[in-house]
Amino acid sequence: MCGIFGYISSIKNRPDRFKLINATNELKHRGPDNFGYYENTSKNYIFLGHQRLSIIDLDSAANQPMVSDDNRFVLIYNGEIYNYLYLRNYLINNYNTSFKTNSDTELLLSLLIAVGIEKSLQLLDGMFAFCFYDNLRNQLIISRDRVGEKPLYLYFNKDYISFSSELKSFKKLPNFQKSLKFELINNYFFLNYIPAPQSIFSNTFKLPQSTYMTLNLDKLKFRSYDNFNEVLNDDHISITQYWDCYNINDKQIPFLEAMNVTENLLYQSIEEKLISDVPICTFLSGGVDSSLIASLLSKINNKIDTFTVQFNDDEYDESTDASEISSYLGLKNYKLNITKNEINNSISLLPDIYSEPFADSSQIPTFLISKKIKENATVALGGDGGDELFGGYYRY
């Protein structure tokens, strides 16, 4: 993952650049491989910052912010485009596009320039949050992927607008009021999290998934908003939904056919995610989701390692099941022992790790196993979302 940060204000409210650099540096844990920023003072003051985690094309030419050859367009982006090789060939064959790098960042920038925001979002298969700035039109667009896998927070102030991959960047900004929306705490206790577009702080929101927000900077007026409906009703801010999951396929098919189609889709999805210039592994808990991923993965590449959390408490330990599954599939399995002390010591770190409170206890082992896996790999496949899609728990 990477981290993106942006700040837009009038020229007269331009802050100290180092405050914005510090705000971007709050995201360094998301992207420790490179830091970069872009500034523009021609009409408004615009600052776009990026912290990079290198996955595809490790060369410095793929660093961000990425600026087009004519200096008109600028992109900062967090995520991964899984069908980028297909889209790369699409642009070469249909628009005679040439590329300097093999990165999906350059692909995304070229795609947005060639076909525009609407068609780009229909073509993209991936997880992403990005900001695309058109210097000539003085227009800025930010967007999130279809299910909101990559985060993007918004902060509105009477002097500026800011966005970031995490809330903690805003604390470095001038006059940021870190006041809680107490009415949303009920959501936290009832739902175990705070759903989009709301956020725990006043005047902050999450950009809804499968949308893009367009800012016409020539006409933009800076103000704070008490609720997201006020943002939607602002004449100078446009939020467009480009996809929804309802009624996308109401075709009735036999169960066995549905099962085969689902397996093929999962196989294709896993295969796409193995394109990387850094080591890849997969989580293997012994549960249905991760075991299914490991099973399909073994048919594609049986050289990829699996990692399992091992607890001393038998009630929570799934390492025996994971060992049997990995052995059956012919995959190498590593057991990562997590002690009671490590769990206890991690609790105090949670507010620094996660932007908002959420009550899923798996956040602790997820953090600990990710920390340990980082010594061996940069990318890990996981089964998040399986329960939501396939009704894995009674609440779904």
Protein backbone atom coordinates (compact mmCIF):
# COMPACT_ATOMS: atom_id res chain seq x y z
CA MET A 1 0.00 0.00 0.00
CA CYS A 2 1.00 3.63 -0.46
CA GLY A 3 -0.20 6.85 1.12
CA ILE A 4 -1.60 9.93 -0.64
CA PHE A 5 -2.18 13.40 0.76
CA GLY A 6 -3.55 16.59 -0.79
CA TYR A 7 -4.12 20.21 0.24
CA ILE A 8 -5.97 22.92 -1.69
CA SER A 9 -6.35 26.54 -0.58
CA SER A 10 -6.23 30.08 -1.88
CA ILE A 11 -2.79 31.57 -2.42
CA LYS A 12 -3.18 33.86 0.60
CA ASN A 13 -3.84 30.87 2.88
CA ARG A 14 -0.80 28.99 1.68
CA PRO A 15 0.78 27.32 4.75
CA ASP A 16 4.37 26.51 5.50
CA ARG A 17 5.37 23.80 3.04
CA PHE A 18 7.06 21.81 5.79
CA LYS A 19 3.74 21.40 7.62
CA LEU A 20 2.37 19.68 4.52
CA ILE A 21 5.50 17.58 4.17
CA ASN A 22 5.05 16.54 7.80
CA ALA A 23 1.40 15.71 7.10
CA THR A 24 2.50 13.47 4.22
CA ASN A 25 5.19 11.89 6.39
CA GLU A 26 2.46 10.71 8.76
CA LEU A 27 1.80 8.12 6.03
CA LYS A 28 5.38 6.88 5.81
CA HIS A 29 4.50 3.50 7.34
CA ARG A 30 2.21 2.96 4.32
CA GLY A 31 4.98 3.74 1.82
CA PRO A 32 8.53 3.66 3.19
CA ASP A 33 10.30 3.34 -0.18
CA ASN A 34 9.98 6.89 -1.50
CA PHE A 35 8.56 10.32 -0.65
CA GLY A 36 7.60 12.94 -3.24
CA TYR A 37 5.43 16.02 -3.59
CA TYR A 38 4.04 18.41 -6.21
CA GLU A 39 3.22 22.11 -5.75
CA ASN A 40 1.29 24.53 -7.95
CA THR A 41 0.71 28.22 -7.21
CA SER A 42 -0.56 29.45 -10.60
CA LYS A 43 -4.20 29.99 -9.53
CA ASN A 44 -4.79 28.25 -6.21
CA TYR A 45 -2.29 26.69 -3.88
CA ILE A 46 -2.11 22.95 -4.48
CA PHE A 47 0.09 20.45 -2.68
CA LEU A 48 0.02 16.73 -3.55
CA GLY A 49 2.17 14.39 -1.46
CA HIS A 50 2.95 10.70 -1.84
CA GLN A 51 4.59 7.93 0.19
CA ARG A 52 5.41 4.93 -2.00
CA LEU A 53 5.51 1.22 -1.33
CA SER A 54 7.18 -0.25 -4.42
CA ILE A 55 5.44 -3.36 -5.81
CA ILE A 56 5.39 -3.07 -9.62
CA ASP A 57 8.43 -1.50 -11.35
CA LEU A 58 10.87 -0.68 -8.56
CA ASP A 59 12.68 1.96 -10.65
CA SER A 60 12.67 5.58 -9.46
CA ALA A 61 11.02 6.60 -12.76
CA ALA A 62 7.81 5.10 -11.36
CA ASN A 63 7.84 7.33 -8.27
CA GLN A 64 5.00 9.75 -7.55
CA PRO A 65 3.59 12.31 -7.96
CA MET A 66 3.72 11.42 -11.65
CA VAL A 67 3.49 14.33 -14.11
CA SER A 68 2.58 14.01 -17.80
CA ASP A 69 5.17 14.94 -20.43
CA ASP A 70 3.43 18.22 -21.18
CA ASN A 71 3.17 19.08 -17.44
CA ARG A 72 -0.62 19.38 -17.75
CA PHE A 73 -1.67 16.35 -15.67
CA VAL A 74 -0.54 15.11 -12.25
CA LEU A 75 -1.42 11.83 -10.51
CA ILE A 76 -0.98 10.50 -6.99
CA TYR A 77 -2.30 7.03 -6.41
CA ASN A 78 -2.55 4.31 -3.76
CA GLY A 79 -3.42 0.78 -4.80
CA GLU A 80 -2.92 -1.75 -7.54
CA ILE A 81 -4.49 -2.15 -10.98
CA TYR A 82 -4.82 -5.88 -11.56
CA ASN A 83 -5.64 -5.70 -15.27
CA TYR A 84 -2.93 -3.16 -16.03
CA LEU A 85 -1.20 -5.38 -18.62
CA TYR A 86 -4.47 -5.70 -20.55
CA LEU A 87 -5.08 -1.93 -20.31
CA ARG A 88 -1.49 -1.22 -21.32
CA ASN A 89 -1.98 -3.18 -24.55
CA TYR A 90 -5.38 -1.51 -25.01
CA LEU A 91 -3.76 1.94 -24.94
CA ILE A 92 -0.88 0.92 -27.20
CA ASN A 93 -3.19 -0.61 -29.80
CA ASN A 94 -5.99 1.97 -29.71
CA TYR A 95 -4.25 5.25 -28.79
CA ASN A 96 -0.66 4.62 -29.86
CA THR A 97 0.44 5.30 -26.27
CA SER A 98 4.11 4.86 -25.42
CA PHE A 99 5.37 4.06 -21.93
CA LYS A 100 8.59 4.89 -20.10
CA THR A 101 8.00 2.50 -17.20
CA ASN A 102 6.25 -0.79 -16.46
CA SER A 103 4.33 0.72 -13.54
CA ASP A 104 0.58 0.68 -13.13
CA THR A 105 0.87 4.34 -12.04
CA GLU A 106 1.95 5.41 -15.52
CA LEU A 107 -0.77 3.16 -16.94
CA LEU A 108 -3.43 4.88 -14.81
CA LEU A 109 -2.18 8.35 -15.71
CA SER A 110 -2.13 7.49 -19.44
CA LEU A 111 -5.58 5.91 -19.26
CA LEU A 112 -7.14 8.94 -17.58
CA ILE A 113 -5.59 11.26 -20.16
CA ALA A 114 -6.67 9.09 -23.12
CA VAL A 115 -10.26 8.14 -22.25
CA GLY A 116 -11.31 10.38 -19.34
CA ILE A 117 -12.50 9.63 -15.83
CA GLU A 118 -15.83 7.86 -16.58
CA LYS A 119 -14.51 5.32 -19.07
CA SER A 120 -11.33 4.78 -17.05
CA LEU A 121 -13.31 3.81 -13.96
CA GLN A 122 -15.41 1.38 -16.00
CA LEU A 123 -12.26 -0.27 -17.37
CA LEU A 124 -10.26 -0.49 -14.15
CA ASP A 125 -10.06 -3.73 -12.19
CA GLY A 126 -8.27 -3.06 -8.93
CA MET A 127 -8.17 -1.45 -5.53
CA PHE A 128 -7.30 2.23 -5.52
CA ALA A 129 -7.64 5.74 -4.22
CA PHE A 130 -6.22 8.46 -6.45
CA CYS A 131 -6.10 12.18 -7.19
CA PHE A 132 -5.91 13.38 -10.80
CA TYR A 133 -5.17 17.07 -11.37
CA ASP A 134 -5.67 18.88 -14.67
CA ASN A 135 -3.53 22.02 -14.57
CA LEU A 136 -5.05 23.53 -17.73
CA ARG A 137 -8.68 23.21 -16.62
CA ASN A 138 -7.72 23.80 -12.97
CA GLN A 139 -9.79 20.77 -12.06
CA LEU A 140 -9.04 18.12 -9.47
CA ILE A 141 -10.66 14.66 -9.31
CA ILE A 142 -10.33 12.16 -6.47
CA SER A 143 -11.79 8.66 -6.54
CA ARG A 144 -12.05 5.34 -4.69
CA ASP A 145 -12.43 1.78 -5.94
CA ARG A 146 -15.74 -0.02 -6.25
CA VAL A 147 -15.94 -1.49 -2.74
CA GLY A 148 -13.79 1.09 -0.96
CA GLU A 149 -10.89 -1.22 -0.23
CA LYS A 150 -8.47 1.69 -0.24
CA PRO A 151 -9.27 4.49 2.23
CA LEU A 152 -9.65 8.17 1.44
CA TYR A 153 -10.59 10.79 4.03
CA LEU A 154 -11.77 14.35 3.36
CA TYR A 155 -11.42 17.40 5.61
CA PHE A 156 -13.21 20.69 4.94
CA ASN A 157 -12.19 23.96 6.53
CA LYS A 158 -13.04 27.62 5.94
CA ASP A 159 -9.50 28.10 4.61
CA TYR A 160 -8.72 24.87 2.76
CA ILE A 161 -9.72 21.36 1.67
CA SER A 162 -7.52 18.38 2.40
CA PHE A 163 -7.65 14.65 1.71
CA SER A 164 -5.52 11.77 2.93
CA SER A 165 -5.23 8.00 3.15
CA GLU A 166 -5.42 8.38 6.93
CA LEU A 167 -6.96 10.83 9.38
CA LYS A 168 -3.69 11.36 11.22
CA SER A 169 -2.35 13.61 8.43
CA PHE A 170 -4.99 16.23 9.27
CA LYS A 171 -3.62 16.69 12.77
CA LYS A 172 -0.57 18.38 11.24
CA LEU A 173 -2.65 20.99 9.42
CA PRO A 174 -3.31 24.60 10.49
CA ASN A 175 -6.37 25.04 12.73
CA PHE A 176 -7.45 21.41 12.55
CA GLN A 177 -10.07 20.84 15.23
CA LYS A 178 -9.79 17.32 16.58
CA SER A 179 -13.33 17.22 17.97
CA LEU A 180 -15.36 14.01 18.01
CA LYS A 181 -18.77 13.58 16.42
CA PHE A 182 -20.39 12.16 19.50
CA GLU A 183 -23.56 11.14 17.67
CA LEU A 184 -21.46 8.68 15.62
CA ILE A 185 -20.09 6.88 18.66
CA ASN A 186 -23.45 5.10 18.78
CA ASN A 187 -22.66 3.72 15.30
CA TYR A 188 -19.38 2.38 16.61
CA PHE A 189 -21.02 0.50 19.49
CA PHE A 190 -23.91 -0.73 17.35
CA LEU A 191 -22.06 -1.66 14.13
CA ASN A 192 -18.49 -2.09 15.50
CA TYR A 193 -17.25 0.59 13.07
CA ILE A 194 -18.22 3.97 11.60
CA PRO A 195 -19.62 3.53 8.07
CA ALA A 196 -18.83 5.81 5.13
CA PRO A 197 -19.30 8.65 4.40
CA GLN A 198 -19.12 9.52 8.11
CA SER A 199 -15.93 9.83 10.12
CA ILE A 200 -15.20 10.09 13.83
CA PHE A 201 -14.04 13.74 13.65
CA SER A 202 -16.14 16.81 12.91
CA ASN A 203 -15.88 18.21 9.36
CA THR A 204 -14.17 15.01 8.18
CA PHE A 205 -15.71 12.37 5.94
CA LYS A 206 -14.82 9.31 3.93
CA LEU A 207 -15.27 9.58 0.18
CA PRO A 208 -17.90 6.90 -0.54
CA GLN A 209 -16.75 3.83 -2.42
CA SER A 210 -17.36 3.63 -6.20
CA THR A 211 -17.53 7.42 -6.51
CA TYR A 212 -15.37 10.24 -7.76
CA MET A 213 -15.39 13.83 -6.56
CA THR A 214 -14.71 16.70 -8.97
CA LEU A 215 -13.50 20.07 -7.71
CA ASN A 216 -13.66 23.05 -10.07
CA LEU A 217 -10.90 25.07 -8.40
CA ASP A 218 -11.72 28.32 -10.25
CA LYS A 219 -15.11 28.47 -8.52
CA LEU A 220 -14.39 26.58 -5.31
CA LYS A 221 -15.46 28.18 -2.03
CA PHE A 222 -13.85 26.98 1.18
CA ARG A 223 -16.14 26.17 4.09
CA SER A 224 -16.73 23.51 6.72
CA TYR A 225 -19.64 21.06 6.60
CA ASP A 226 -21.56 19.52 9.49
CA ASN A 227 -22.81 16.55 7.48
CA PHE A 228 -22.15 14.92 4.12
CA ASN A 229 -25.45 16.05 2.60
CA GLU A 230 -24.11 19.61 2.73
CA VAL A 231 -21.13 18.47 0.64
CA LEU A 232 -23.47 16.80 -1.87
CA ASN A 233 -25.52 19.99 -2.17
CA ASP A 234 -22.54 22.28 -2.78
CA ASP A 235 -22.71 23.68 -6.34
CA HIS A 236 -18.92 23.73 -6.68
CA ILE A 237 -18.33 20.13 -5.63
CA SER A 238 -19.61 17.24 -7.72
CA ILE A 239 -19.72 13.65 -6.41
CA THR A 240 -20.60 11.01 -9.01
CA GLN A 241 -21.31 7.33 -8.39
CA TYR A 242 -19.83 5.29 -11.23
CA TRP A 243 -20.85 1.76 -10.13
CA ASP A 244 -23.17 -0.09 -7.80
CA CYS A 245 -23.56 -3.75 -6.93
CA TYR A 246 -27.34 -3.93 -7.34
CA ASN A 247 -29.03 -5.62 -10.29
CA ILE A 248 -25.75 -6.20 -12.10
CA ASN A 249 -26.79 -9.77 -12.88
CA ASP A 250 -30.28 -11.12 -12.27
CA LYS A 251 -29.81 -14.13 -14.55
CA GLN A 252 -31.00 -17.43 -13.09
CA ILE A 253 -28.52 -20.29 -13.60
CA PRO A 254 -28.25 -23.82 -12.12
CA PHE A 255 -26.28 -24.18 -8.90
CA LEU A 256 -23.47 -26.28 -10.41
CA GLU A 257 -22.99 -23.74 -13.19
CA ALA A 258 -22.88 -20.91 -10.63
CA MET A 259 -20.30 -22.87 -8.66
CA ASN A 260 -18.09 -23.35 -11.72
CA VAL A 261 -18.40 -19.69 -12.73
CA THR A 262 -17.47 -18.62 -9.18
CA GLU A 263 -14.43 -20.91 -9.12
CA ASN A 264 -13.23 -19.54 -12.47
CA LEU A 265 -13.67 -15.96 -11.26
CA LEU A 266 -11.72 -16.69 -8.07
CA TYR A 267 -8.97 -18.42 -10.06
CA GLN A 268 -8.71 -15.44 -12.42
CA SER A 269 -8.72 -12.99 -9.50
CA ILE A 270 -5.87 -14.80 -7.72
CA GLU A 271 -3.83 -15.12 -10.92
CA GLU A 272 -4.10 -11.36 -11.56
CA LYS A 273 -2.79 -10.56 -8.09
CA LEU A 274 0.43 -12.52 -8.57
CA ILE A 275 1.91 -9.86 -10.89
CA SER A 276 4.60 -8.26 -8.74
CA ASP A 277 8.27 -7.31 -8.71
CA VAL A 278 8.55 -8.12 -4.98
CA PRO A 279 8.06 -11.38 -3.03
CA ILE A 280 4.46 -12.60 -2.55
CA CYS A 281 3.03 -14.94 0.07
CA THR A 282 -0.41 -15.84 1.38
CA PHE A 283 -2.09 -15.99 4.78
CA LEU A 284 -3.32 -19.47 5.74
CA SER A 285 -5.45 -19.59 8.87
CA GLY A 286 -7.03 -22.98 8.26
CA GLY A 287 -10.42 -21.34 7.66
CA VAL A 288 -12.50 -21.61 4.50
CA ASP A 289 -11.45 -18.32 2.85
CA SER A 290 -7.68 -18.59 3.12
CA SER A 291 -7.72 -22.36 2.44
CA LEU A 292 -9.68 -21.81 -0.77
CA ILE A 293 -7.19 -19.15 -1.89
CA ALA A 294 -4.25 -21.44 -1.08
CA SER A 295 -5.92 -24.31 -2.98
CA LEU A 296 -6.41 -22.29 -6.15
CA LEU A 297 -2.99 -20.67 -5.72
CA SER A 298 -1.30 -24.09 -5.64
CA LYS A 299 -2.59 -24.75 -9.16
CA ILE A 300 -1.02 -21.51 -10.43
CA ASN A 301 2.26 -21.35 -8.49
CA ASN A 302 3.14 -23.89 -5.79
CA LYS A 303 6.37 -22.05 -4.92
CA ILE A 304 4.59 -19.32 -2.95
CA ASP A 305 4.91 -19.66 0.83
CA THR A 306 2.03 -19.69 3.30
CA PHE A 307 2.10 -18.14 6.76
CA THR A 308 0.02 -19.14 9.78
CA VAL A 309 -0.41 -17.57 13.21
CA GLN A 310 0.32 -20.01 15.99
CA PHE A 311 -1.16 -19.38 19.44
CA ASN A 312 -0.22 -21.16 22.63
CA ASP A 313 -3.91 -21.39 23.50
CA ASP A 314 -5.46 -24.41 21.71
CA GLU A 315 -8.86 -22.69 21.64
CA TYR A 316 -7.55 -20.11 19.13
CA ASP A 317 -4.75 -22.04 17.45
CA GLU A 318 -5.42 -23.19 13.87
CA SER A 319 -1.84 -24.03 12.94
CA THR A 320 -2.42 -27.82 12.90
CA ASP A 321 -5.22 -27.45 10.34
CA ALA A 322 -3.12 -25.04 8.29
CA SER A 323 -0.16 -27.45 8.28
CA GLU A 324 -2.32 -30.30 7.03
CA ILE A 325 -3.83 -28.13 4.29
CA SER A 326 -0.48 -26.73 3.10
CA SER A 327 1.05 -30.23 3.12
CA TYR A 328 -1.84 -31.60 1.05
CA LEU A 329 -1.49 -28.72 -1.43
CA GLY A 330 2.29 -28.98 -1.65
CA LEU A 331 2.88 -25.47 -0.28
CA LYS A 332 5.54 -24.54 2.24
CA ASN A 333 4.04 -23.34 5.52
CA TYR A 334 5.65 -21.11 8.14
CA LYS A 335 4.22 -20.89 11.64
CA LEU A 336 4.52 -17.50 13.32
CA ASN A 337 4.17 -17.84 17.07
CA ILE A 338 2.36 -14.98 18.78
CA THR A 339 2.70 -14.74 22.52
CA LYS A 340 0.35 -13.28 25.09
CA ASN A 341 2.85 -10.49 25.77
CA GLU A 342 2.96 -9.52 22.08
CA ILE A 343 -0.82 -9.32 22.01
CA ASN A 344 -0.96 -7.22 25.18
CA ASN A 345 1.82 -4.91 24.01
CA SER A 346 0.13 -4.32 20.64
CA ILE A 347 -3.10 -2.98 22.16
CA SER A 348 -1.59 0.40 23.05
CA LEU A 349 -0.36 0.74 19.44
CA LEU A 350 -3.79 0.34 17.82
CA PRO A 351 -4.74 4.06 17.85
CA ASP A 352 -1.55 4.83 15.90
CA ILE A 353 -2.08 1.97 13.45
CA TYR A 354 -5.73 2.54 12.56
CA SER A 355 -7.30 5.90 11.73
CA GLU A 356 -10.64 5.18 13.38
CA PRO A 357 -11.78 2.83 16.14
CA PHE A 358 -13.32 -0.44 15.02
CA ALA A 359 -14.19 -3.42 17.18
CA ASP A 360 -12.93 -6.39 15.16
CA SER A 361 -10.57 -8.34 17.40
CA SER A 362 -8.77 -9.74 14.34
CA GLN A 363 -7.01 -6.38 13.97
CA ILE A 364 -4.48 -7.52 16.58
CA PRO A 365 -3.31 -10.80 14.96
CA THR A 366 -3.54 -9.14 11.51
CA PHE A 367 -1.10 -6.45 12.64
CA LEU A 368 1.26 -8.93 14.30
CA ILE A 369 1.37 -11.42 11.43
CA SER A 370 1.83 -8.58 8.89
CA LYS A 371 4.74 -7.25 10.91
CA LYS A 372 6.41 -10.66 10.98
CA ILE A 373 5.70 -11.51 7.34
CA LYS A 374 7.34 -8.25 6.22
CA GLU A 375 10.68 -9.89 6.97
CA ASN A 376 9.99 -12.38 4.14
CA ALA A 377 7.57 -10.75 1.69
CA THR A 378 6.02 -7.42 0.69
CA VAL A 379 2.67 -8.64 -0.65
CA ALA A 380 0.33 -11.11 1.05
CA LEU A 381 -2.89 -12.57 -0.32
CA GLY A 382 -5.78 -12.75 2.16
CA GLY A 383 -9.42 -13.76 2.34
CA ASP A 384 -10.94 -10.46 3.50
CA GLY A 385 -14.40 -9.90 2.05
CA GLY A 386 -15.26 -13.57 1.63
CA ASP A 387 -17.66 -13.67 4.55
CA GLU A 388 -19.43 -10.50 3.39
CA LEU A 389 -19.84 -11.77 -0.18
CA PHE A 390 -20.84 -15.35 0.63
CA GLY A 391 -22.70 -14.97 3.93
CA GLY A 392 -20.01 -16.47 6.11
CA TYR A 393 -21.52 -15.22 9.37
CA TYR A 394 -25.13 -15.21 10.55
CA ARG A 395 -25.18 -11.41 10.68
CA TYR A 396 -24.71 -11.31 6.90
